[in-house]
Amino acid sequence: MPFFSKVKKQTPNTNTPEQVFLGEDFDIRYKWLKQSFNQCSDITIYELTANHTRCGIVYLQAMVDENLFDEQVLSYIVNEDYASSHQEFIHKLLELKLISAMSSSVLTDMQKAVELVLDGNILIFFEGDPRMLAFPLQKFEKRAISEPANENVIRGPREAFVEDIHTNITLIRRKIKTPALKIEQQLIGKFTKTKVVIGYLEGICKPEIIEEVKQRIERIKMDGVLGSSYIEENIDDFPLSPFPQAQKTERPDVVAGALLEGRVVIFVDGTPIPLIVPVTLTMFLQSPEDYYQRYIFANFVRWLRIVFIVISLLFPSFYIALTTFHPVMIPSDLLLSVAAARDLVPFPAIVEAFIMELTFEALREAGLRIPKAIGQAISILGALVIGQAAVQAGIVSAPMVIIVSLTGISSFIVPYFDFGFSIRLLRFPIMILSGSFGIFGLMIGCLLIYIHLVHLRSFGMPYLTPIAPMRANDLKDSFLRAPWWLMKRRPSFVGTKNLKRSNLQYPFAEEDED
């Protein structure tokens, strides 16, 4: 299809294990399960006799509520006399008592039975019947819903995703109450069998995007998937690009907004960070706070954010280019001040900048790794102390400390960490170009980044949309946020089937009569 013509095709992989059928022989199935769970001391496997029928029970101790199992299930099997024949006993147990009481499943595949046991289900099988009963009585310890760690807002909701995938899906269901919200699950990973769920709104999301997401996930062939980053690296259009091609968030309202625009969300069990695809550059310049403030304030903060992102990327390179190749462009009074500050510095400006930038990055990483109570103090005080000591020792100049400090503070204004890391990473090659060719090197670096962004795709969608290609109607929520009563249509570049989002009128305008 043309929309995905530039996507690299891979060999499909279904991650589907081979099926194993052993019939109705009780001993063969019991021994097979014993062998499968050999040396697994946390797996309970035993047999009992009820109503003259041998029953086998298998479950994972740490993941099953054994008290609830004894009260609600085992009592039915042991204490009640269902029928004189064991076939009638099995029939009633399978189809009347337990299945009507809980979300059970009947199966005959032994391999599937093992997977269900490892997922926290209890397995019961019977003598003389090939069918097995599996039902969930999981007892998981999970983290409570709390405030977001990184994407904080002043006026918006204060809830974040957790590691449990079912809780995360519930958070989305609470916000989007429609059967059009579809949730489809796959198991990825040869050993981990990780639940990967994609969510989308039927009738709004383009079917080609949904199918492409499914196919890329199915092609992932790995021993284990432990987080959404494993999925992200395997579904990117351009894996070597420094720019993120999927948005990561910990906020349910951000995910709900993306679904309403016609995007696809990928949840991975065990991680509180889902993925949103496809994405554009402007999505990483927007903060959830923008949609909870009046549009005038939101636009001011959004433009302030964009300006400081540019400062974070180019300011050190611009200073290096001016002081090394173009000092005549600096006002004379400022030039004398800079020259006096650099008089005793033994390094050229580019080396000086690299020393300070790498030191600042090291302090930033140190602040992330040490306990939170002292992490921020270490990073800020460390930068001040080291910077002051370096200036007094004549290793770096005071203007360079100011520039690096402003650059570092500017990088914190980026709403999303992965995009901020891209800006921090690209700063260094641009510094090298500026130190080698001056302003021309700075322009070359910006041009190369622009060419790369024009070429970049996220699930076939141009990364610079709606700027390149230009879509005037979709600019209402890009570098500016228009009022809600002007944003009547969903972004057309997502390829959504249903573009109409609202019938809002200007607050003082009369509604048109149909």
Foldseek 3Di string as FASTA:
>chain_A
DVLQVLFDDDDFAQLDDDFDFDFQAPVVLLVVVCVVCPPVVQKDWDWDAFLNKIKIKIAGNQWADVVCCVVQPVCLRHPDNQDNDVVSVVVCNAPPRPVVVAVKDKDQTSVVVVVLRVVAWMWMGIHPGSIIMTGHRTDDDWDDWAADPAQDADQDDGTWFTQAPVVLVVLLCVVPVDPQWDKDWAQAANAARWIKIKIAGPQWADVVLVVLLVRQRSRDHHNDDQDVVSSQCSSFSDNPDLAGQWDKDGDSVVVNVLRLLRWMWMDIRRDSIITIDGAAPLVQLAGPNLVVDFQVVSLVLSVVLVVLLVLLQPVLLQVLLCVQPNVVVDPPVVSVVVCVQLVLAPDRSLVLLVVLLVVLVVLLVQLVPDDVVCSVVSSVVVLVVVVVVCSVVNNHGPVSSVSSVSSVVSLSSRSGDSNSVSSSVLSSCLSVLCNVPRVVSNVVSVVVVVVVQQVGDRSSQRRNPCVVVPDPLQVCRGSGPHDPLSCQFRDCSSVTSGGGDDDHDDPPDDDDDD
